[in-house]
Amino acid sequence: MSTLEGRFDFLGPGSHQNPYPFYAALREHEPVSWIERERLWIVTRHQDVVDVLRRIDDFSAVANERQEPQSERRGTPNIITMDRPDHDRLRQILQRRFTNRGLSRYQARIDEIVAELMTGVRASGRFDLVRDVSVPLPVTMIAEALGIELERLDDFKRWSDALVKVITLSHESEEAAAARVDLRELIDYFSATADRRRECASDDLVGMLVEAEQEPYRISPREIVSYCLLLLAAGNETTTNLIGGMIIELLEQPSQLNRLVASPEIIPQAIEEGLRYCSPVQVLFRRAKHDTEIRGVSIKAGQDIAVSYAAANRDPRVFEDPDTFDIDRDTSQHVAFGYGLHHCLGAHLARREATAALTRLIPLLPDMRKEYEAIEWVDSWVVRGPKSLPMAWAA
């Protein structure tokens, strides 16, 4: 067990409030540390995080199955849990659609969704910026990109919530059990949707995946469903947690907020600092393919490694004064979207969604009043974001 783990309940509910002091202690004293409770190593220095992600011959992405719903751990991987050549085979199917150029087809709709959500916020005396903005934006966008029928959008939002709960809840409960029931509905829905695309071709994402059942990709029906679940979970979590985390910091730092109100053209720059500072995805995982070493520490074949994006993004060896939110800093080395082969497929989409939302939200934040005393964070050590941000218009 890490000598520091006993002094800080890293995986307990309290740690979700602020895991960064523990990351800092590990970075300085045990940068490659064994976490007994999870039976894995955690890597916290920026150099080591990049090194592990780069060493694809030594470390396998299959370890990310740790975060998949238990019901889906039946040998149906997705691009997050795959190594080459299968990773490349599946990633290439949608790669072009998720480039910045490919995503331009969605920009007008992203802006329209944000405008609709902000109309609702303006019409309310009290509102929740997580519930009313940062959650519905990416859910609605990915639903439409997948070709979900408008009349099923409410179901899709419920299923999306269930998927996030199954992945992130760190305990067994009635809530988790109910979420698994909803998840099964979602899996059945994606299977039926794929069947409909086989009968009638479509240019949506499900249609593109179905088309790839033929050569050269030969994606399987189960891989299609797994891909859809990944698109829903990964895309929603990053955008939702990024927007929520940035709102918190901007409300706490009026000088930074005022700069963005006066100079909205630097919002994309501020979003990069939000990605670094907030680290919406805190860790992902790798598994040692054979006996190897990280920073001189022996890692046995089959052992898992938690690659801490969040700790790397606060490493003072790379970022000066890293625990300060500073929209003027050079963020070019942040690893919020990972690094190398598995760099996040949806990174450009998350940036577009966050830019659209914050461009409309930031001018309004000075006129809002916080309706919360303490922030309740998502119950997970893998992703981090506020569960809610209740607000009201200032008198």
Protein backbone atom coordinates (compact mmCIF):
# COMPACT_ATOMS: atom_id res chain seq x y z
CA MET A 1 0.00 0.00 0.00
CA SER A 2 1.16 3.54 -0.65
CA THR A 3 2.53 5.08 2.54
CA LEU A 4 0.41 8.12 1.73
CA GLU A 5 -2.80 6.21 1.05
CA GLY A 6 -3.39 5.56 4.74
CA ARG A 7 -3.25 9.28 5.51
CA PHE A 8 -5.67 10.29 2.78
CA ASP A 9 -8.74 8.31 1.77
CA PHE A 10 -8.04 8.84 -1.91
CA LEU A 11 -11.03 6.81 -3.07
CA GLY A 12 -13.48 7.79 -0.34
CA PRO A 13 -16.38 10.24 -0.84
CA GLY A 14 -14.45 13.08 0.79
CA SER A 15 -11.67 12.85 -1.76
CA HIS A 16 -14.04 13.87 -4.54
CA GLN A 17 -14.19 17.36 -3.05
CA ASN A 18 -10.51 17.91 -3.74
CA PRO A 19 -8.17 15.07 -4.77
CA TYR A 20 -5.39 17.44 -5.76
CA PRO A 21 -3.47 17.54 -2.44
CA PHE A 22 -3.10 13.77 -2.64
CA TYR A 23 -1.99 13.96 -6.27
CA ALA A 24 0.62 16.55 -5.25
CA ALA A 25 1.93 14.36 -2.42
CA LEU A 26 2.22 11.37 -4.73
CA ARG A 27 3.92 13.40 -7.45
CA GLU A 28 6.62 14.54 -5.04
CA HIS A 29 7.13 11.45 -2.90
CA GLU A 30 5.70 8.37 -4.68
CA PRO A 31 5.19 9.23 -8.36
CA VAL A 32 4.62 5.55 -9.15
CA SER A 33 2.54 4.27 -6.25
CA TRP A 34 0.58 1.12 -5.44
CA ILE A 35 -3.07 1.73 -4.43
CA GLU A 36 -4.07 -1.40 -2.52
CA ARG A 37 -7.79 -0.70 -2.46
CA GLU A 38 -7.98 -0.77 -6.26
CA ARG A 39 -5.11 -3.22 -6.76
CA LEU A 40 -3.32 -1.01 -9.25
CA TRP A 41 -0.48 1.45 -9.67
CA ILE A 42 -1.09 5.15 -10.10
CA VAL A 43 1.25 7.35 -12.14
CA THR A 44 1.14 11.08 -11.37
CA ARG A 45 4.06 12.94 -12.97
CA HIS A 46 3.52 14.45 -16.40
CA GLN A 47 6.61 12.84 -17.91
CA ASP A 48 5.56 9.37 -16.70
CA VAL A 49 1.94 9.78 -17.82
CA VAL A 50 3.09 10.67 -21.35
CA ASP A 51 5.65 7.85 -21.25
CA VAL A 52 3.08 5.19 -20.32
CA LEU A 53 0.62 6.41 -22.96
CA ARG A 54 3.38 6.41 -25.57
CA ARG A 55 4.60 2.89 -24.76
CA ILE A 56 1.88 0.98 -26.59
CA ASP A 57 4.08 -2.13 -26.89
CA ASP A 58 4.41 -2.32 -23.09
CA PHE A 59 0.97 -1.22 -21.87
CA SER A 60 -2.45 -2.26 -23.13
CA ALA A 61 -5.59 -0.14 -23.21
CA VAL A 62 -7.67 -3.23 -22.34
CA ALA A 63 -7.45 -2.09 -18.69
CA ASN A 64 -10.09 0.54 -19.46
CA GLU A 65 -12.67 -2.23 -19.25
CA ARG A 66 -12.54 -1.46 -15.52
CA GLN A 67 -14.85 1.47 -16.26
CA GLU A 68 -17.27 -0.36 -18.51
CA PRO A 69 -20.65 -1.49 -17.21
CA GLN A 70 -20.27 -4.98 -15.79
CA SER A 71 -23.04 -6.21 -18.11
CA GLU A 72 -20.92 -5.24 -21.13
CA ARG A 73 -17.72 -7.02 -20.11
CA ARG A 74 -18.30 -9.93 -22.45
CA GLY A 75 -15.47 -9.60 -24.89
CA THR A 76 -16.94 -6.70 -26.90
CA PRO A 77 -14.28 -3.97 -26.66
CA ASN A 78 -14.39 -0.44 -28.05
CA ILE A 79 -11.66 1.91 -29.22
CA ILE A 80 -10.84 2.97 -25.63
CA THR A 81 -10.17 -0.64 -24.62
CA MET A 82 -8.54 -1.81 -27.87
CA ASP A 83 -4.94 -1.99 -28.99
CA ARG A 84 -3.67 -2.10 -32.56
CA PRO A 85 -4.70 -3.27 -35.09
CA ASP A 86 -8.33 -3.41 -33.92
CA HIS A 87 -8.18 0.08 -32.41
CA ASP A 88 -7.19 1.54 -35.77
CA ARG A 89 -9.77 -0.54 -37.63
CA LEU A 90 -12.64 0.91 -35.58
CA ARG A 91 -11.32 4.43 -35.03
CA GLN A 92 -10.92 5.01 -38.76
CA ILE A 93 -14.65 4.48 -39.34
CA LEU A 94 -15.62 7.78 -37.69
CA GLN A 95 -12.25 9.57 -37.60
CA ARG A 96 -13.06 11.88 -40.52
CA ARG A 97 -16.44 12.88 -39.06
CA PHE A 98 -14.77 13.96 -35.78
CA THR A 99 -12.06 16.16 -37.28
CA ASN A 100 -12.57 19.89 -36.92
CA ARG A 101 -13.50 20.07 -40.59
CA GLY A 102 -15.89 17.14 -40.32
CA LEU A 103 -17.59 18.65 -37.29
CA SER A 104 -18.32 21.91 -39.10
CA ARG A 105 -21.55 20.29 -40.33
CA TYR A 106 -22.80 20.31 -36.72
CA GLN A 107 -21.79 23.85 -35.72
CA ALA A 108 -25.06 25.58 -36.61
CA ARG A 109 -27.03 22.96 -34.67
CA ILE A 110 -24.72 23.26 -31.64
CA ASP A 111 -25.31 27.02 -31.61
CA GLU A 112 -29.05 26.48 -31.99
CA ILE A 113 -29.21 24.02 -29.08
CA VAL A 114 -27.29 26.43 -26.85
CA ALA A 115 -29.62 29.28 -27.82
CA GLU A 116 -32.66 27.15 -26.94
CA LEU A 117 -31.18 26.20 -23.57
CA MET A 118 -30.27 29.80 -22.75
CA THR A 119 -33.80 30.93 -23.58
CA GLY A 120 -35.01 28.57 -20.87
CA VAL A 121 -32.43 29.87 -18.39
CA ARG A 122 -33.37 33.48 -19.05
CA ALA A 123 -37.05 32.68 -18.54
CA SER A 124 -36.43 31.13 -15.12
CA GLY A 125 -35.96 32.91 -11.83
CA ARG A 126 -33.96 29.98 -10.53
CA PHE A 127 -32.15 27.39 -12.58
CA ASP A 128 -29.35 24.81 -12.44
CA LEU A 129 -26.54 25.35 -14.92
CA VAL A 130 -25.64 21.64 -14.86
CA ARG A 131 -29.18 20.34 -15.29
CA ASP A 132 -30.29 23.08 -17.69
CA VAL A 133 -27.18 23.67 -19.81
CA SER A 134 -24.08 21.51 -19.41
CA VAL A 135 -25.93 18.17 -19.39
CA PRO A 136 -28.56 18.64 -22.14
CA LEU A 137 -26.17 20.25 -24.65
CA PRO A 138 -23.90 17.24 -25.31
CA VAL A 139 -26.70 14.70 -24.80
CA THR A 140 -28.92 16.39 -27.37
CA MET A 141 -26.05 16.86 -29.82
CA ILE A 142 -24.82 13.27 -29.72
CA ALA A 143 -28.39 11.96 -29.85
CA GLU A 144 -29.02 13.87 -33.06
CA ALA A 145 -25.64 12.87 -34.51
CA LEU A 146 -26.53 9.23 -33.84
CA GLY A 147 -29.88 9.75 -35.55
CA ILE A 148 -32.12 9.26 -32.51
CA GLU A 149 -35.77 10.04 -33.26
CA LEU A 150 -36.99 13.29 -31.71
CA GLU A 151 -39.87 11.51 -29.99
CA ARG A 152 -37.33 9.30 -28.17
CA LEU A 153 -35.15 12.16 -26.94
CA ASP A 154 -36.55 12.08 -23.39
CA ASP A 155 -35.88 8.34 -23.22
CA PHE A 156 -32.40 8.91 -24.58
CA LYS A 157 -31.63 11.47 -21.88
CA ARG A 158 -32.84 9.01 -19.21
CA TRP A 159 -30.70 6.26 -20.73
CA SER A 160 -27.73 8.61 -20.91
CA ASP A 161 -28.07 9.41 -17.21
CA ALA A 162 -28.24 5.69 -16.48
CA LEU A 163 -25.10 4.95 -18.48
CA VAL A 164 -23.15 7.63 -16.60
CA LYS A 165 -24.38 6.28 -13.25
CA VAL A 166 -23.42 2.69 -14.09
CA ILE A 167 -19.94 3.81 -15.08
CA THR A 168 -19.26 6.36 -12.33
CA LEU A 169 -21.10 5.21 -9.20
CA SER A 170 -18.48 3.87 -6.82
CA HIS A 171 -20.92 1.79 -4.76
CA GLU A 172 -23.72 -0.70 -5.14
CA SER A 173 -27.15 0.77 -4.46
CA GLU A 174 -30.77 0.73 -5.57
CA GLU A 175 -29.89 3.69 -7.79
CA ALA A 176 -27.14 1.69 -9.50
CA ALA A 177 -29.45 -1.33 -9.93
CA ALA A 178 -32.16 0.84 -11.52
CA ALA A 179 -29.55 2.40 -13.81
CA ARG A 180 -28.53 -1.04 -15.06
CA VAL A 181 -32.14 -1.75 -16.04
CA ASP A 182 -32.24 1.49 -18.04
CA LEU A 183 -28.87 0.64 -19.58
CA ARG A 184 -30.26 -2.64 -20.90
CA GLU A 185 -33.05 -0.65 -22.58
CA LEU A 186 -30.42 1.57 -24.19
CA ILE A 187 -28.44 -1.41 -25.47
CA ASP A 188 -31.61 -2.92 -26.95
CA TYR A 189 -32.47 0.43 -28.54
CA PHE A 190 -29.07 0.75 -30.23
CA SER A 191 -29.34 -2.83 -31.50
CA ALA A 192 -32.78 -2.11 -32.99
CA THR A 193 -31.56 1.18 -34.47
CA ALA A 194 -28.69 -0.60 -36.18
CA ASP A 195 -31.18 -3.11 -37.63
CA ARG A 196 -33.22 -0.24 -39.06
CA ARG A 197 -30.11 1.28 -40.64
CA ARG A 198 -29.41 -2.08 -42.32
CA GLU A 199 -32.84 -1.85 -43.93
CA CYS A 200 -32.59 1.84 -44.79
CA ALA A 201 -29.16 3.51 -45.05
CA SER A 202 -28.53 6.81 -43.26
CA ASP A 203 -25.70 9.35 -43.02
CA ASP A 204 -25.90 9.53 -39.22
CA LEU A 205 -23.24 7.93 -37.00
CA VAL A 206 -25.15 4.67 -36.54
CA GLY A 207 -25.61 4.48 -40.30
CA MET A 208 -21.86 4.99 -40.81
CA LEU A 209 -21.09 2.20 -38.36
CA VAL A 210 -23.55 -0.17 -40.03
CA GLU A 211 -22.05 0.60 -43.44
CA ALA A 212 -18.66 -0.39 -42.00
CA GLU A 213 -19.88 -3.95 -41.41
CA GLN A 214 -18.57 -4.52 -44.92
CA GLU A 215 -14.91 -4.52 -45.99
CA PRO A 216 -12.43 -3.15 -45.12
CA TYR A 217 -13.54 -2.58 -41.51
CA ARG A 218 -15.79 -5.57 -40.78
CA ILE A 219 -17.18 -4.08 -37.57
CA SER A 220 -19.44 -6.57 -35.78
CA PRO A 221 -23.01 -5.89 -34.58
CA ARG A 222 -21.87 -6.01 -30.96
CA GLU A 223 -18.99 -3.64 -31.70
CA ILE A 224 -21.51 -1.20 -33.18
CA VAL A 225 -23.52 -1.13 -29.94
CA SER A 226 -20.34 -0.80 -27.87
CA TYR A 227 -19.20 2.10 -30.09
CA CYS A 228 -22.53 3.88 -29.60
CA LEU A 229 -22.29 3.51 -25.82
CA LEU A 230 -18.77 4.93 -25.90
CA LEU A 231 -19.81 7.94 -27.99
CA LEU A 232 -22.61 8.69 -25.56
CA ALA A 233 -20.63 8.27 -22.33
CA ALA A 234 -17.28 9.79 -23.29
CA GLY A 235 -18.69 12.78 -25.14
CA ASN A 236 -21.17 13.74 -22.46
CA GLU A 237 -18.84 13.44 -19.49
CA THR A 238 -16.08 15.63 -20.91
CA THR A 239 -18.28 18.51 -22.05
CA THR A 240 -20.56 18.48 -19.01
CA ASN A 241 -17.73 18.42 -16.48
CA LEU A 242 -15.64 20.96 -18.38
CA ILE A 243 -18.42 23.56 -18.54
CA GLY A 244 -19.39 22.99 -14.90
CA GLY A 245 -15.82 23.20 -13.66
CA MET A 246 -15.11 26.38 -15.60
CA ILE A 247 -18.24 28.10 -14.33
CA ILE A 248 -17.13 27.39 -10.76
CA GLU A 249 -13.68 28.88 -11.33
CA LEU A 250 -14.96 31.95 -13.17
CA LEU A 251 -17.45 32.71 -10.41
CA GLU A 252 -14.64 32.41 -7.87
CA GLN A 253 -12.28 34.64 -9.86
CA PRO A 254 -14.08 37.80 -11.02
CA SER A 255 -10.93 39.21 -12.64
CA GLN A 256 -10.71 36.23 -15.00
CA LEU A 257 -14.43 36.40 -15.70
CA ASN A 258 -14.26 40.13 -16.44
CA ARG A 259 -11.46 39.57 -18.95
CA LEU A 260 -13.57 37.05 -20.83
CA VAL A 261 -16.63 39.30 -20.75
CA ALA A 262 -14.53 42.08 -22.27
CA SER A 263 -12.63 39.81 -24.70
CA PRO A 264 -14.82 36.88 -25.76
CA GLU A 265 -12.38 36.05 -28.54
CA ILE A 266 -10.07 34.46 -25.93
CA ILE A 267 -12.73 32.02 -24.69
CA PRO A 268 -11.15 29.12 -26.68
CA GLN A 269 -7.85 29.89 -24.93
CA ALA A 270 -9.63 29.88 -21.57
CA ILE A 271 -11.20 26.51 -22.39
CA GLU A 272 -7.73 24.98 -22.78
CA GLU A 273 -6.90 26.18 -19.28
CA GLY A 274 -10.23 24.76 -18.12
CA LEU A 275 -9.29 21.41 -19.59
CA ARG A 276 -5.94 21.51 -17.79
CA TYR A 277 -7.16 22.84 -14.47
CA CYS A 278 -10.46 20.97 -14.18
CA SER A 279 -9.40 17.71 -15.89
CA PRO A 280 -12.94 16.44 -16.60
CA VAL A 281 -11.52 12.92 -17.03
CA GLN A 282 -9.20 12.39 -14.07
CA VAL A 283 -7.68 9.01 -14.97
CA LEU A 284 -7.76 6.26 -17.54
CA PHE A 285 -6.07 2.88 -17.35
CA ARG A 286 -3.39 0.71 -18.88
CA ARG A 287 -2.34 -2.92 -18.24
CA ALA A 288 1.23 -4.19 -18.37
CA LYS A 289 1.65 -6.62 -21.24
CA HIS A 290 4.79 -8.07 -19.67
CA ASP A 291 7.13 -7.40 -16.75
CA THR A 292 8.44 -3.87 -17.15
CA GLU A 293 9.35 -0.70 -15.24
CA ILE A 294 8.08 2.83 -14.76
CA ARG A 295 10.61 5.24 -13.27
CA GLY A 296 12.62 2.27 -11.97
CA VAL A 297 9.59 0.71 -10.26
CA SER A 298 8.94 -2.92 -11.25
CA ILE A 299 5.53 -3.53 -12.80
CA LYS A 300 4.38 -7.13 -13.18
CA ALA A 301 2.66 -8.46 -16.30
CA GLY A 302 -1.10 -8.12 -15.92
CA GLN A 303 -0.98 -5.32 -13.34
CA ASP A 304 -3.07 -2.22 -14.05
CA ILE A 305 -1.91 1.38 -14.01
CA ALA A 306 -4.13 4.40 -13.36
CA VAL A 307 -2.71 7.09 -15.64
CA SER A 308 -3.62 10.31 -13.86
CA TYR A 309 -4.36 13.06 -16.35
CA ALA A 310 -5.43 15.32 -13.50
CA ALA A 311 -2.15 14.95 -11.59
CA ALA A 312 -0.10 15.42 -14.77
CA ASN A 313 -2.03 18.59 -15.58
CA ARG A 314 -1.00 20.08 -12.22
CA ASP A 315 2.65 19.03 -12.38
CA PRO A 316 4.80 22.08 -11.46
CA ARG A 317 7.63 20.69 -13.59
CA VAL A 318 5.50 21.56 -16.62
CA PHE A 319 3.05 24.23 -15.46
CA GLU A 320 4.13 27.15 -13.29
CA ASP A 321 1.89 27.74 -10.27
CA PRO A 322 -0.30 24.84 -11.44
CA ASP A 323 -3.01 25.14 -8.78
CA THR A 324 -3.99 28.57 -10.06
CA PHE A 325 -6.62 28.92 -12.80
CA ASP A 326 -4.95 31.29 -15.26
CA ILE A 327 -6.43 31.78 -18.72
CA ASP A 328 -3.20 33.40 -19.96
CA ARG A 329 -0.91 30.44 -19.37
CA ASP A 330 0.64 28.20 -22.02
CA THR A 331 -1.47 25.04 -21.89
CA SER A 332 0.03 23.31 -24.92
CA GLN A 333 1.27 20.32 -22.90
CA HIS A 334 -1.95 19.47 -21.08
CA VAL A 335 -3.13 15.88 -21.39
CA ALA A 336 -6.83 16.36 -20.65
CA PHE A 337 -7.70 14.43 -23.82
CA GLY A 338 -4.98 11.84 -23.36
CA TYR A 339 -1.92 11.47 -25.54
CA GLY A 340 -0.83 9.57 -28.61
CA LEU A 341 -2.71 6.67 -30.14
CA HIS A 342 -5.76 6.98 -27.89
CA HIS A 343 -6.07 10.78 -27.95
CA CYS A 344 -9.78 11.45 -27.46
CA LEU A 345 -11.78 11.03 -30.68
CA GLY A 346 -14.32 13.61 -29.51
CA ALA A 347 -11.85 16.31 -28.41
CA HIS A 348 -12.83 18.78 -31.15
CA LEU A 349 -16.53 18.24 -30.50
CA ALA A 350 -16.11 18.91 -26.77
CA ARG A 351 -14.22 22.12 -27.55
CA ARG A 352 -16.91 23.28 -29.99
CA GLU A 353 -19.71 22.57 -27.51
CA ALA A 354 -17.92 24.26 -24.61
CA THR A 355 -17.07 27.30 -26.73
CA ALA A 356 -20.66 27.71 -27.87
CA ALA A 357 -22.04 27.34 -24.34
CA LEU A 358 -19.52 29.60 -22.61
CA THR A 359 -19.74 32.28 -25.30
CA ARG A 360 -23.40 32.73 -24.35
CA LEU A 361 -23.03 32.04 -20.62
CA ILE A 362 -20.05 34.22 -19.74
CA PRO A 363 -21.72 37.60 -20.46
CA LEU A 364 -24.57 36.53 -18.15
CA LEU A 365 -22.54 35.19 -15.22
CA PRO A 366 -22.03 38.63 -13.58
CA ASP A 367 -25.82 38.91 -13.34
CA MET A 368 -26.21 35.51 -11.65
CA ARG A 369 -26.18 34.65 -7.97
CA LYS A 370 -24.99 31.34 -6.54
CA GLU A 371 -27.71 29.37 -4.79
CA TYR A 372 -25.34 26.78 -3.34
CA GLU A 373 -23.04 26.87 -0.33
CA ALA A 374 -20.96 23.80 -1.10
CA ILE A 375 -20.40 21.92 -4.33
CA GLU A 376 -21.35 18.26 -4.52
CA TRP A 377 -19.08 16.46 -6.94
CA VAL A 378 -19.82 13.43 -9.10
CA ASP A 379 -19.29 10.24 -7.09
CA SER A 380 -16.28 8.98 -9.01
CA TRP A 381 -12.49 9.18 -8.98
CA VAL A 382 -12.34 8.62 -12.74
CA VAL A 383 -14.31 11.69 -13.84
CA ARG A 384 -14.83 14.93 -11.94
CA GLY A 385 -17.48 17.59 -12.22
CA PRO A 386 -20.22 19.23 -10.15
CA LYS A 387 -23.50 17.36 -9.79
CA SER A 388 -25.43 20.62 -9.79
CA LEU A 389 -24.92 24.38 -9.87
CA PRO A 390 -28.16 25.99 -8.68
CA MET A 391 -28.28 29.69 -9.57
CA ALA A 392 -30.65 32.61 -9.63
CA TRP A 393 -30.72 35.99 -11.28
CA ALA A 394 -29.22 38.66 -9.06
CA ALA A 395 -31.72 41.17 -7.73
